[in-house]
Amino acid sequence: MKNIYLDNAATTPILPEVIDVISYTMANFYGNPSSSHQIGRKSKSLVETARKNIAKQFNAAANEIIFTAGASEADNLILRNAVTNLKVTTIISSKIEHHAILHTLDNLVEEFNLNVIWVDLDEKGGVNYAHLEELLQQIKEKVLVSLMYVNNEVGNLLDIKKVSDLCISNNALFHSDAVQGIGHFKIDIEQTPIDFFVSSAHKFHGPKGVGFAYIKKGFGINPILHGGEQERGARAGTENIHSILGMEKALEVACANLEEESTYIQKIKSYFINELKNNFEGIQFNGYSEDENKSSYIILNVRFPKEYGMLLFNLDIKGIAVSGGSACQSGSSKGSHVLNAFLSDNETIKTSIRFSFSKFNTVEEIDYVITSLKEIIK
């Protein structure tokens, strides 16, 4: 049986060179970076060098990078600090954010009576920038805008430069969950001065369980994990050295080959779109995922003309790994909160599937997926 992986928005295969770095580090650099002896100091040096190299990819300073166990922790760290440390009383966000944002906001509302305002979305789930500007002009208290760079379900791209400019002109802070963007799109914080963003290594062929928060210089940060003074007091816990170095390597490779790989993956995605249109009547694409200029080249969210309750299962039987985007696929009675935010009830009951690509996918794999879909749907 074939094994075709088209769920790269969920996680990505670890690169062999990243595995080599992780293995070598585990075998040779076991010292605690907080130790004062030579073995510990060497580990500390490696962590700080990785911090500098990661920061350089964004034109950031090393002390603006805080290592975490992943993006969910980084989101929590930033949003909680915005309320408790930076005295933010209102957060503007959208209803199609990742649950790392939405559930954290729910918790902050309950704990601190935070005011959360939802920006309007268009018919495809895109942010209404005019409404965002209107909200920013109306709010007089300390406000943070939290909008994701790339939507993880439908791939919609946020115009982060436009949002950054709006926030600056209205004296607001800007945070972006950039998990689906880091390693796939170029971010230069000198050109686009975001205040906060987060990343997770396993989304760009690095290891799971490690990520970072970018926190612009000048913002004090209080820990949400207590117990030690690691990460300049921002996060307690012995540093995950081998994973941090693995993340450094994965980001290095991703950024070095960004243009070439993005062009290749976009061709795979475009080919798949054309084949779907040519072979299936009534196919639609959720969000802006069909639009090359308004969506990530990684993600395509396909809505079939009716409900196929066993489609995900049958694709899995054929060795094709994908993710569902509707109630019948996800096992949730509520379905996808992203699709529910902008699709009608008649459309959300149809079967939606997210296909997400990487540089390891091929045209031959796409042909097999098309053939398999035809066999299943007939």
Protein backbone atom coordinates (compact mmCIF):
# COMPACT_ATOMS: atom_id res chain seq x y z
CA MET A 1 0.00 0.00 0.00
CA LYS A 2 1.17 3.51 -0.81
CA ASN A 3 1.91 5.99 1.96
CA ILE A 4 1.09 9.52 0.81
CA TYR A 5 1.33 12.27 3.39
CA LEU A 6 -0.80 15.34 2.64
CA ASP A 7 -1.26 16.61 6.19
CA ASN A 8 1.74 18.92 6.44
CA ALA A 9 -0.26 21.70 8.09
CA ALA A 10 -0.68 19.32 11.05
CA THR A 11 3.00 18.43 11.24
CA THR A 12 5.89 17.81 8.87
CA PRO A 13 8.43 14.99 8.48
CA ILE A 14 11.72 15.81 10.20
CA LEU A 15 14.58 16.43 7.79
CA PRO A 16 17.44 13.89 7.91
CA GLU A 17 19.96 16.67 8.56
CA VAL A 18 17.84 17.87 11.48
CA ILE A 19 17.78 14.36 12.92
CA ASP A 20 21.57 14.26 12.58
CA VAL A 21 21.91 17.51 14.54
CA ILE A 22 19.55 16.29 17.25
CA SER A 23 21.30 12.92 17.58
CA TYR A 24 24.77 14.46 17.67
CA THR A 25 23.72 17.02 20.27
CA MET A 26 22.08 14.41 22.48
CA ALA A 27 25.21 12.25 22.37
CA ASN A 28 27.79 14.98 22.86
CA PHE A 29 26.27 17.97 24.67
CA TYR A 30 24.44 16.69 27.70
CA GLY A 31 25.43 19.42 30.13
CA ASN A 32 22.83 21.59 31.84
CA PRO A 33 23.15 25.12 30.37
CA SER A 34 22.66 26.55 33.85
CA SER A 35 25.72 24.74 35.21
CA SER A 36 28.90 26.74 35.78
CA HIS A 37 31.37 24.04 34.68
CA GLN A 38 32.81 23.69 31.17
CA ILE A 39 30.34 21.04 30.03
CA GLY A 40 27.39 23.19 31.07
CA ARG A 41 28.90 26.35 29.59
CA LYS A 42 29.30 24.61 26.23
CA SER A 43 25.61 23.71 26.21
CA LYS A 44 24.76 27.30 27.12
CA SER A 45 26.90 28.57 24.27
CA LEU A 46 25.12 26.32 21.77
CA VAL A 47 21.69 27.50 22.93
CA GLU A 48 22.69 31.16 22.69
CA THR A 49 24.25 30.67 19.25
CA ALA A 50 21.01 29.05 18.09
CA ARG A 51 19.07 31.99 19.50
CA LYS A 52 21.24 34.45 17.54
CA ASN A 53 20.93 32.47 14.31
CA ILE A 54 17.16 32.15 14.60
CA ALA A 55 16.82 35.87 15.36
CA LYS A 56 18.89 36.76 12.27
CA GLN A 57 16.32 35.09 10.02
CA PHE A 58 13.84 37.81 11.05
CA ASN A 59 16.24 40.76 11.42
CA ALA A 60 15.55 40.53 15.15
CA ALA A 61 17.83 40.73 18.16
CA ALA A 62 18.76 37.55 20.00
CA ASN A 63 17.22 38.77 23.26
CA GLU A 64 13.86 39.07 21.49
CA ILE A 65 13.62 35.27 21.09
CA ILE A 66 12.23 33.17 23.97
CA PHE A 67 12.40 29.41 23.54
CA THR A 68 9.25 27.49 24.51
CA ALA A 69 7.81 24.00 24.24
CA GLY A 70 5.83 25.10 21.18
CA ALA A 71 3.54 27.77 19.79
CA SER A 72 0.62 27.11 22.14
CA GLU A 73 2.81 27.90 25.13
CA ALA A 74 4.22 30.94 23.32
CA ASP A 75 0.71 32.23 22.55
CA ASN A 76 -0.28 31.80 26.18
CA LEU A 77 2.87 33.58 27.35
CA ILE A 78 2.25 36.60 25.11
CA LEU A 79 -1.50 36.98 25.60
CA ARG A 80 -1.32 36.55 29.36
CA ASN A 81 1.51 39.07 29.59
CA ALA A 82 -0.43 41.51 27.44
CA VAL A 83 -3.18 41.54 30.07
CA THR A 84 -1.23 41.14 33.31
CA ASN A 85 1.98 42.96 32.47
CA LEU A 86 1.23 45.40 29.63
CA LYS A 87 -2.19 46.37 31.00
CA VAL A 88 -4.10 45.56 27.80
CA THR A 89 -7.84 45.71 28.50
CA THR A 90 -9.14 44.96 24.99
CA ILE A 91 -8.02 42.36 22.46
CA ILE A 92 -9.23 42.39 18.87
CA SER A 93 -9.12 38.96 17.23
CA SER A 94 -11.09 36.80 14.80
CA LYS A 95 -13.32 33.79 15.17
CA ILE A 96 -11.11 31.67 12.91
CA GLU A 97 -7.97 31.80 15.06
CA HIS A 98 -6.30 28.64 16.31
CA HIS A 99 -7.67 27.30 19.59
CA ALA A 100 -4.38 28.24 21.24
CA ILE A 101 -5.65 31.81 20.84
CA LEU A 102 -9.39 31.33 21.26
CA HIS A 103 -9.23 29.17 24.39
CA THR A 104 -6.61 31.42 25.95
CA LEU A 105 -8.84 34.43 25.33
CA ASP A 106 -11.76 32.57 26.94
CA ASN A 107 -9.61 31.96 30.00
CA LEU A 108 -8.48 35.59 30.20
CA VAL A 109 -12.04 36.85 29.85
CA GLU A 110 -13.11 34.64 32.75
CA GLU A 111 -10.13 35.51 34.92
CA PHE A 112 -9.65 39.22 34.20
CA ASN A 113 -12.92 40.34 32.59
CA LEU A 114 -10.96 41.06 29.41
CA ASN A 115 -12.88 42.77 26.61
CA VAL A 116 -12.60 40.72 23.39
CA ILE A 117 -13.88 42.15 20.10
CA TRP A 118 -14.20 40.08 16.92
CA VAL A 119 -13.19 41.71 13.66
CA ASP A 120 -15.56 41.09 10.74
CA LEU A 121 -14.69 38.49 8.12
CA ASP A 122 -15.64 38.47 4.45
CA GLU A 123 -17.47 35.65 2.68
CA LYS A 124 -14.25 33.64 2.40
CA GLY A 125 -12.99 34.20 5.93
CA GLY A 126 -10.66 37.06 5.09
CA VAL A 127 -10.17 39.85 7.62
CA ASN A 128 -12.17 43.01 6.92
CA TYR A 129 -9.38 45.58 7.22
CA ALA A 130 -11.75 48.52 7.07
CA HIS A 131 -13.63 47.15 10.08
CA LEU A 132 -10.34 46.56 11.90
CA GLU A 133 -9.34 50.17 11.30
CA GLU A 134 -12.74 51.36 12.50
CA LEU A 135 -12.42 49.33 15.71
CA LEU A 136 -8.92 50.64 16.37
CA GLN A 137 -10.04 54.23 15.93
CA GLN A 138 -12.96 53.73 18.33
CA ILE A 139 -11.09 52.04 21.18
CA LYS A 140 -9.42 54.45 23.58
CA GLU A 141 -7.96 52.01 26.12
CA LYS A 142 -4.84 49.81 25.73
CA VAL A 143 -5.52 47.35 22.90
CA LEU A 144 -3.80 44.35 21.34
CA VAL A 145 -4.64 42.93 17.91
CA SER A 146 -4.13 39.14 17.66
CA LEU A 147 -4.56 37.77 14.13
CA MET A 148 -2.91 34.71 12.64
CA TYR A 149 -0.56 35.11 9.68
CA VAL A 150 -1.77 31.99 7.85
CA ASN A 151 -5.00 30.24 8.75
CA ASN A 152 -4.24 26.63 9.57
CA GLU A 153 -7.43 25.20 8.04
CA VAL A 154 -8.05 27.20 4.86
CA GLY A 155 -4.67 28.84 4.32
CA ASN A 156 -5.90 32.44 4.15
CA LEU A 157 -3.01 34.90 4.25
CA LEU A 158 -3.17 37.94 6.50
CA ASP A 159 -1.71 41.18 5.14
CA ILE A 160 0.59 41.57 8.14
CA LYS A 161 2.12 44.78 6.77
CA LYS A 162 -1.30 46.40 6.54
CA VAL A 163 -2.27 45.24 10.04
CA SER A 164 1.08 46.34 11.42
CA ASP A 165 0.65 49.81 9.90
CA LEU A 166 -2.89 50.09 11.26
CA CYS A 167 -1.72 49.13 14.74
CA ILE A 168 1.16 51.59 14.69
CA SER A 169 -1.01 54.47 13.50
CA ASN A 170 -3.57 53.71 16.21
CA ASN A 171 -1.10 53.05 19.04
CA ALA A 172 -2.09 49.39 19.33
CA LEU A 173 0.04 46.29 19.90
CA PHE A 174 0.12 43.53 17.28
CA HIS A 175 0.53 39.80 17.93
CA SER A 176 0.39 37.12 15.25
CA ASP A 177 0.21 33.36 15.57
CA ALA A 178 2.63 32.79 12.68
CA VAL A 179 2.91 29.01 13.05
CA GLN A 180 1.87 28.24 9.47
CA GLY A 181 4.00 31.06 8.10
CA ILE A 182 7.43 30.66 9.68
CA GLY A 183 9.71 28.65 7.41
CA HIS A 184 7.31 29.18 4.48
CA PHE A 185 7.19 32.98 4.12
CA LYS A 186 9.76 35.68 4.78
CA ILE A 187 9.18 37.87 7.84
CA ASP A 188 11.41 40.88 8.39
CA ILE A 189 10.44 42.73 11.55
CA GLU A 190 12.36 45.82 10.41
CA GLN A 191 10.05 46.09 7.41
CA THR A 192 6.98 44.77 9.24
CA PRO A 193 7.38 45.73 12.90
CA ILE A 194 5.19 43.13 14.59
CA ASP A 195 5.34 43.34 18.38
CA PHE A 196 4.88 39.61 19.02
CA PHE A 197 4.74 36.42 16.98
CA VAL A 198 5.10 32.71 17.66
CA SER A 199 6.47 29.67 15.88
CA SER A 200 6.62 25.88 16.25
CA ALA A 201 9.49 23.87 14.78
CA HIS A 202 7.46 20.86 13.68
CA LYS A 203 5.64 22.95 11.07
CA PHE A 204 8.85 23.42 9.03
CA HIS A 205 10.42 19.95 9.25
CA GLY A 206 11.85 20.38 12.73
CA PRO A 207 11.19 18.44 15.95
CA LYS A 208 7.97 18.52 17.93
CA GLY A 209 7.85 20.02 21.39
CA VAL A 210 9.92 23.13 20.72
CA GLY A 211 9.14 26.61 19.43
CA PHE A 212 9.69 30.22 20.28
CA ALA A 213 8.04 33.52 21.03
CA TYR A 214 9.29 36.71 19.41
CA ILE A 215 8.79 39.56 21.87
CA LYS A 216 9.92 43.00 20.73
CA LYS A 217 12.68 44.55 22.77
CA GLY A 218 11.42 46.83 25.52
CA PHE A 219 8.48 44.74 26.65
CA GLY A 220 9.05 43.17 30.03
CA ILE A 221 7.86 39.60 30.22
CA ASN A 222 6.68 37.70 33.28
CA PRO A 223 6.83 33.88 33.27
CA ILE A 224 3.80 31.63 33.24
CA LEU A 225 6.03 28.71 34.23
CA HIS A 226 7.81 29.25 37.55
CA GLY A 227 10.76 27.45 39.08
CA GLY A 228 13.95 28.82 37.56
CA GLU A 229 15.53 31.82 35.85
CA GLN A 230 16.02 30.28 32.42
CA GLU A 231 15.25 32.30 29.30
CA ARG A 232 16.20 35.50 31.09
CA GLY A 233 13.53 34.81 33.66
CA ALA A 234 10.75 34.49 31.08
CA ARG A 235 10.40 30.69 31.24
CA ALA A 236 11.46 28.27 33.95
CA GLY A 237 12.82 24.85 32.99
CA THR A 238 16.06 23.36 31.72
CA GLU A 239 16.48 24.19 28.05
CA ASN A 240 15.66 21.45 25.52
CA ILE A 241 19.10 21.75 23.91
CA HIS A 242 18.90 19.10 21.20
CA SER A 243 15.45 20.24 20.05
CA ILE A 244 16.48 23.90 20.02
CA LEU A 245 19.45 23.06 17.81
CA GLY A 246 17.22 20.90 15.64
CA MET A 247 14.84 23.85 15.24
CA GLU A 248 17.76 26.11 14.36
CA LYS A 249 18.85 23.70 11.61
CA ALA A 250 15.32 23.22 10.24
CA LEU A 251 14.78 26.99 10.01
CA GLU A 252 18.17 27.47 8.38
CA VAL A 253 17.31 24.93 5.67
CA ALA A 254 13.79 26.33 5.18
CA CYS A 255 14.97 29.92 4.78
CA ALA A 256 17.89 29.00 2.52
CA ASN A 257 15.62 27.17 0.07
CA LEU A 258 12.46 29.26 0.49
CA GLU A 259 12.02 30.55 -3.06
CA GLU A 260 12.83 27.27 -4.79
CA GLU A 261 10.68 25.13 -2.51
CA SER A 262 7.71 27.50 -2.47
CA THR A 263 7.67 27.55 -6.28
CA TYR A 264 7.78 23.76 -6.43
CA ILE A 265 5.04 23.24 -3.83
CA GLN A 266 2.80 25.85 -5.48
CA LYS A 267 3.08 23.90 -8.74
CA ILE A 268 1.98 20.74 -6.93
CA LYS A 269 -0.97 22.58 -5.39
CA SER A 270 -1.99 24.20 -8.69
CA TYR A 271 -1.82 20.86 -10.47
CA PHE A 272 -4.05 19.31 -7.81
CA ILE A 273 -6.58 22.15 -8.14
CA ASN A 274 -6.78 21.66 -11.92
CA GLU A 275 -7.14 17.89 -11.61
CA LEU A 276 -9.92 18.26 -9.05
CA LYS A 277 -11.80 20.66 -11.30
CA ASN A 278 -11.35 18.42 -14.33
CA ASN A 279 -12.50 15.24 -12.62
CA PHE A 280 -15.22 16.27 -10.17
CA GLU A 281 -18.32 18.38 -10.69
CA GLY A 282 -19.34 20.83 -8.00
CA ILE A 283 -15.96 21.00 -6.27
CA GLN A 284 -15.38 24.22 -4.32
CA PHE A 285 -12.47 25.54 -2.31
CA ASN A 286 -12.93 26.92 1.18
CA GLY A 287 -11.58 30.32 2.07
CA TYR A 288 -9.08 31.74 -0.37
CA SER A 289 -7.23 28.44 -0.63
CA GLU A 290 -7.60 28.35 -4.44
CA ASP A 291 -6.16 31.87 -4.80
CA GLU A 292 -2.38 31.81 -5.26
CA ASN A 293 -2.03 35.39 -4.03
CA LYS A 294 -4.30 35.21 -0.99
CA SER A 295 -3.48 31.80 0.46
CA SER A 296 -0.56 29.70 1.55
CA TYR A 297 0.96 27.46 -1.11
CA ILE A 298 0.93 24.72 1.54
CA ILE A 299 -2.83 24.45 2.16
CA LEU A 300 -5.83 23.56 0.00
CA ASN A 301 -9.23 23.10 1.65
CA VAL A 302 -11.63 21.27 -0.66
CA ARG A 303 -15.42 21.22 -0.26
CA PHE A 304 -17.16 18.37 -2.03
CA PRO A 305 -20.70 18.85 -3.40
CA LYS A 306 -22.33 16.73 -0.71
CA GLU A 307 -21.61 14.79 2.46
CA TYR A 308 -19.38 11.74 2.14
CA GLY A 309 -19.32 10.41 5.68
CA MET A 310 -16.55 7.85 5.14
CA LEU A 311 -14.30 9.80 2.79
CA LEU A 312 -11.48 10.44 5.26
CA PHE A 313 -11.58 6.83 6.43
CA ASN A 314 -11.50 5.47 2.89
CA LEU A 315 -8.61 7.72 1.92
CA ASP A 316 -6.74 6.47 4.96
CA ILE A 317 -7.39 2.88 3.86
CA LYS A 318 -5.68 3.76 0.59
CA GLY A 319 -2.69 5.17 2.45
CA ILE A 320 -3.54 8.86 1.99
CA ALA A 321 -3.17 11.01 5.11
CA VAL A 322 -5.29 14.19 5.17
CA SER A 323 -7.41 16.16 7.64
CA GLY A 324 -11.14 16.78 7.78
CA GLY A 325 -12.79 20.15 7.97
CA SER A 326 -16.43 19.43 8.74
CA ALA A 327 -18.45 17.78 11.47
CA CYS A 328 -18.72 14.38 9.81
CA GLN A 329 -14.96 14.29 9.33
CA SER A 330 -13.73 15.70 12.63
CA GLY A 331 -15.92 13.65 14.96
CA SER A 332 -17.21 16.86 16.49
CA SER A 333 -20.89 17.75 16.57
CA LYS A 334 -19.87 21.38 16.12
CA GLY A 335 -17.63 20.79 13.12
CA SER A 336 -14.88 23.17 12.11
CA HIS A 337 -15.11 26.51 13.93
CA VAL A 338 -13.24 28.05 11.00
CA LEU A 339 -15.69 26.92 8.33
CA ASN A 340 -18.66 27.63 10.59
CA ALA A 341 -17.50 31.23 10.86
CA PHE A 342 -18.12 32.08 7.21
CA LEU A 343 -19.99 29.23 5.47
CA SER A 344 -23.76 28.78 5.50
CA ASP A 345 -25.34 25.81 7.27
CA ASN A 346 -26.05 24.18 3.90
CA GLU A 347 -22.38 24.35 3.00
CA THR A 348 -20.89 23.29 6.32
CA ILE A 349 -22.73 19.96 6.23
CA LYS A 350 -20.90 19.04 3.04
CA THR A 351 -17.64 17.15 3.35
CA SER A 352 -14.58 19.39 3.47
CA ILE A 353 -11.02 18.07 3.50
CA ARG A 354 -7.75 19.90 4.04
CA PHE A 355 -4.88 18.75 1.85
CA SER A 356 -1.53 20.26 2.82
CA PHE A 357 1.69 19.84 0.90
CA SER A 358 5.46 19.78 1.33
CA LYS A 359 8.56 19.59 -0.85
CA PHE A 360 8.42 15.81 -0.52
CA ASN A 361 5.16 15.48 -2.45
CA THR A 362 5.11 14.65 -6.16
CA VAL A 363 2.79 14.93 -9.15
CA GLU A 364 2.61 11.13 -9.20
CA GLU A 365 1.22 11.19 -5.67
CA ILE A 366 -1.40 13.72 -6.71
CA ASP A 367 -2.43 11.46 -9.59
CA TYR A 368 -2.87 8.59 -7.15
CA VAL A 369 -5.02 10.76 -4.87
CA ILE A 370 -7.24 11.79 -7.78
CA THR A 371 -7.64 8.16 -8.89
CA SER A 372 -8.43 7.12 -5.31
CA LEU A 373 -11.02 9.88 -4.91
CA LYS A 374 -12.72 8.79 -8.12
CA GLU A 375 -12.86 5.18 -6.92
CA ILE A 376 -14.26 6.17 -3.51
CA ILE A 377 -16.79 8.73 -4.70
CA LYS A 378 -18.19 6.71 -7.63
